[in-house]
Amino acid sequence: MKRARFNSSLLDLNSLRKGSDYEQLPESYVIFITENDVWQRGLARYHVNRIIEELNQPFEDGSHIIYVNGNYKGTDDIGRLMNDFRSENVEDMLLEPLKETVHRYKNNPEEVAVMCAELEKWSLEERQAGRQEGRQEGRQEGESRLTTLLRLLKADGRLQDLELAIDDEKTREKLYQEYRID
């Protein structure tokens, strides 16, 4: 649920220029198409709205969050769209415009090449972002370990070991083991 809030906030942040009045914020919609029925009530979609509890009135700030049940199998428009999203075979699709577009992309070598290039680009960006995030987490964990060790050494009055731990990785590793710092 916090992911919806986060994405809604990002939309707001990116749609307002620095120094602009907040009244210029456009109406925003965050739509999640989930694989399963998040609230398990069998509905096609769930609108998440803010309310003023004491007044039992909507808090109309222009922000809308909608969850679409990707497992919905109704005969209405959303049911047909979810059917098409789940279809592995183009011929099983029900919505003609989507069916034609998917058919064109799957059967035209040039379109397939464009699609593959975009997918590869997206995949590369995701891997790079993941590596960057991993490096950042590793640095933070390393800094946290070192800070913990230095504080413990200081508290124990082991100032000589403290000085050695700052500069010597082998000493640091030995002290991590001694103090059981993972």
Protein backbone atom coordinates (compact mmCIF):
# COMPACT_ATOMS: atom_id res chain seq x y z
CA MET A 1 0.00 0.00 0.00
CA LYS A 2 2.87 2.37 0.72
CA ARG A 3 4.13 1.76 -2.79
CA ALA A 4 0.94 3.37 -4.11
CA ARG A 5 1.48 6.38 -1.89
CA PHE A 6 5.13 6.60 -2.98
CA ASN A 7 4.24 6.47 -6.69
CA SER A 8 1.50 9.04 -6.23
CA SER A 9 3.97 11.35 -4.49
CA LEU A 10 6.50 10.89 -7.30
CA LEU A 11 3.88 11.86 -9.86
CA ASP A 12 3.13 15.02 -7.91
CA LEU A 13 6.80 15.85 -7.48
CA ASN A 14 7.56 15.38 -11.17
CA SER A 15 4.53 17.29 -12.44
CA LEU A 16 5.18 20.55 -10.61
CA ARG A 17 8.03 22.84 -11.54
CA LYS A 18 10.20 24.40 -8.86
CA GLY A 19 8.59 27.58 -7.58
CA SER A 20 5.17 26.71 -9.03
CA ASP A 21 2.06 27.10 -6.93
CA TYR A 22 0.73 23.80 -5.58
CA GLU A 23 -2.70 24.72 -6.96
CA GLN A 24 -1.22 23.94 -10.39
CA LEU A 25 -0.90 20.25 -9.50
CA PRO A 26 -2.85 18.27 -12.09
CA GLU A 27 -5.23 15.46 -11.24
CA SER A 28 -3.17 12.28 -10.94
CA TYR A 29 -3.97 8.60 -11.30
CA VAL A 30 -1.84 5.70 -10.10
CA ILE A 31 -3.21 2.45 -11.47
CA PHE A 32 -1.83 -0.89 -10.32
CA ILE A 33 -2.79 -3.95 -12.30
CA THR A 34 -2.12 -6.71 -9.80
CA GLU A 35 -1.65 -10.36 -10.67
CA ASN A 36 -4.22 -11.43 -8.07
CA ASP A 37 -7.20 -9.94 -6.26
CA VAL A 38 -5.46 -7.97 -3.50
CA TRP A 39 -8.59 -7.64 -1.35
CA GLN A 40 -10.08 -11.02 -2.38
CA ARG A 41 -13.58 -9.68 -2.97
CA GLY A 42 -13.90 -10.62 -6.64
CA LEU A 43 -14.24 -7.05 -7.87
CA ALA A 44 -12.71 -5.79 -11.10
CA ARG A 45 -11.14 -2.74 -9.47
CA TYR A 46 -10.79 -0.98 -6.17
CA HIS A 47 -10.68 2.81 -5.90
CA VAL A 48 -8.64 4.05 -2.96
CA ASN A 49 -9.85 7.43 -1.73
CA ARG A 50 -8.93 9.71 1.12
CA ILE A 51 -11.68 10.84 3.47
CA ILE A 52 -12.08 13.35 6.27
CA GLU A 53 -13.04 10.87 8.98
CA GLU A 54 -14.85 13.25 11.33
CA LEU A 55 -17.03 14.53 8.50
CA ASN A 56 -17.22 11.27 6.57
CA GLN A 57 -16.57 13.31 3.43
CA PRO A 58 -14.10 12.81 0.62
CA PHE A 59 -10.84 14.73 0.78
CA GLU A 60 -10.68 15.75 -2.86
CA ASP A 61 -7.03 16.55 -3.48
CA GLY A 62 -6.99 15.31 -7.08
CA SER A 63 -5.00 12.18 -6.26
CA HIS A 64 -6.48 8.85 -7.34
CA ILE A 65 -5.20 5.33 -6.70
CA ILE A 66 -6.85 2.38 -8.40
CA TYR A 67 -6.05 -1.30 -8.04
CA VAL A 68 -7.18 -3.49 -10.94
CA ASN A 69 -7.65 -7.20 -10.24
CA GLY A 70 -5.55 -8.91 -12.93
CA ASN A 71 -7.30 -12.20 -12.18
CA TYR A 72 -10.77 -10.73 -12.84
CA LYS A 73 -12.74 -12.80 -15.36
CA GLY A 74 -15.89 -10.74 -15.95
CA THR A 75 -17.55 -10.08 -19.30
CA ASP A 76 -17.31 -6.29 -18.98
CA ASP A 77 -14.53 -4.12 -20.48
CA ILE A 78 -12.11 -4.74 -17.61
CA GLY A 79 -12.78 -8.48 -17.74
CA ARG A 80 -12.04 -8.56 -21.47
CA LEU A 81 -8.87 -6.47 -20.99
CA MET A 82 -7.62 -8.75 -18.21
CA ASN A 83 -8.36 -11.75 -20.44
CA ASP A 84 -6.19 -10.20 -23.15
CA PHE A 85 -3.39 -9.43 -20.69
CA ARG A 86 -3.38 -13.08 -19.59
CA SER A 87 -3.64 -14.52 -23.13
CA GLU A 88 -0.54 -16.22 -24.44
CA ASN A 89 -2.11 -16.67 -27.88
CA VAL A 90 -3.10 -13.57 -29.86
CA GLU A 91 -6.09 -15.43 -31.30
CA ASP A 92 -7.57 -15.79 -27.79
CA MET A 93 -7.65 -12.02 -27.30
CA LEU A 94 -11.05 -10.29 -27.28
CA LEU A 95 -10.34 -6.57 -27.79
CA GLU A 96 -9.66 -5.99 -31.49
CA PRO A 97 -7.41 -2.89 -31.23
CA LEU A 98 -5.15 -4.61 -28.69
CA LYS A 99 -5.27 -7.87 -30.64
CA GLU A 100 -4.19 -6.10 -33.86
CA THR A 101 -1.36 -4.23 -32.11
CA VAL A 102 -0.01 -7.36 -30.41
CA HIS A 103 -0.27 -9.29 -33.68
CA ARG A 104 1.66 -6.55 -35.51
CA TYR A 105 4.42 -6.45 -32.88
CA LYS A 106 4.76 -10.22 -32.69
CA ASN A 107 4.75 -10.87 -36.45
CA ASN A 108 6.78 -7.99 -37.88
CA PRO A 109 10.54 -8.62 -37.61
CA GLU A 110 11.29 -4.88 -37.45
CA GLU A 111 8.80 -4.38 -34.62
CA VAL A 112 10.17 -7.44 -32.81
CA ALA A 113 13.69 -5.98 -33.08
CA VAL A 114 12.51 -2.64 -31.66
CA MET A 115 10.68 -4.43 -28.84
CA CYS A 116 13.71 -6.58 -28.04
CA ALA A 117 16.02 -3.55 -28.06
CA GLU A 118 13.72 -1.69 -25.68
CA LEU A 119 13.48 -4.72 -23.41
CA GLU A 120 17.27 -5.10 -23.40
CA LYS A 121 17.68 -1.38 -22.64
CA TRP A 122 15.19 -1.61 -19.77
CA SER A 123 16.85 -4.76 -18.45
CA LEU A 124 20.29 -3.12 -18.54
CA GLU A 125 18.98 -0.04 -16.72
CA GLU A 126 17.38 -2.22 -14.05
CA ARG A 127 20.58 -4.23 -13.56
CA GLN A 128 22.65 -1.04 -13.30
CA ALA A 129 20.20 0.43 -10.79
CA GLY A 130 20.30 -2.82 -8.79
CA ARG A 131 24.09 -2.85 -8.75
CA GLN A 132 24.22 0.79 -7.67
CA GLU A 133 21.70 0.10 -4.91
CA GLY A 134 23.69 -2.96 -3.80
CA ARG A 135 26.94 -0.98 -3.69
CA GLN A 136 25.26 1.76 -1.68
CA GLU A 137 23.82 -0.76 0.79
CA GLY A 138 27.21 -2.46 1.05
CA ARG A 139 28.93 0.84 1.82
CA GLN A 140 26.32 1.69 4.44
CA GLU A 141 26.63 -1.73 6.08
CA GLY A 142 30.42 -1.47 6.05
CA GLU A 143 30.31 2.00 7.58
CA SER A 144 27.84 0.81 10.21
CA ARG A 145 30.06 -2.18 11.10
CA LEU A 146 33.12 0.03 11.39
CA THR A 147 31.27 2.61 13.49
CA THR A 148 30.04 -0.12 15.84
CA LEU A 149 33.55 -1.55 16.18
CA LEU A 150 35.17 1.83 16.83
CA ARG A 151 32.60 2.71 19.48
CA LEU A 152 33.11 -0.61 21.26
CA LEU A 153 36.88 -0.25 21.19
CA LYS A 154 36.61 3.29 22.56
CA ALA A 155 34.21 2.17 25.30
CA ASP A 156 36.62 -0.62 26.27
CA GLY A 157 39.54 1.82 26.34
CA ARG A 158 41.37 -0.05 23.57
CA LEU A 159 42.66 3.07 21.86
CA GLN A 160 45.67 1.37 20.26
CA ASP A 161 43.39 -1.25 18.64
CA LEU A 162 41.08 1.57 17.60
CA GLU A 163 43.91 3.30 15.73
CA LEU A 164 44.99 0.02 14.12
CA ALA A 165 41.41 -0.83 13.09
CA ILE A 166 41.11 2.45 11.22
CA ASP A 167 44.05 1.69 8.92
CA ASP A 168 44.52 -2.10 8.89
CA GLU A 169 41.88 -4.33 7.32
CA LYS A 170 43.29 -7.57 8.83
CA THR A 171 43.18 -6.10 12.34
CA ARG A 172 39.67 -4.85 11.64
CA GLU A 173 38.49 -8.33 10.54
CA LYS A 174 40.06 -9.94 13.63
CA LEU A 175 38.29 -7.42 15.87
CA TYR A 176 34.95 -7.92 14.05
CA GLN A 177 35.23 -11.62 14.91
CA GLU A 178 36.28 -10.91 18.50
CA TYR A 179 33.30 -8.60 19.04
CA ARG A 180 31.01 -10.83 16.93
CA ILE A 181 30.06 -8.02 14.58
CA ASP A 182 28.52 -9.46 11.41
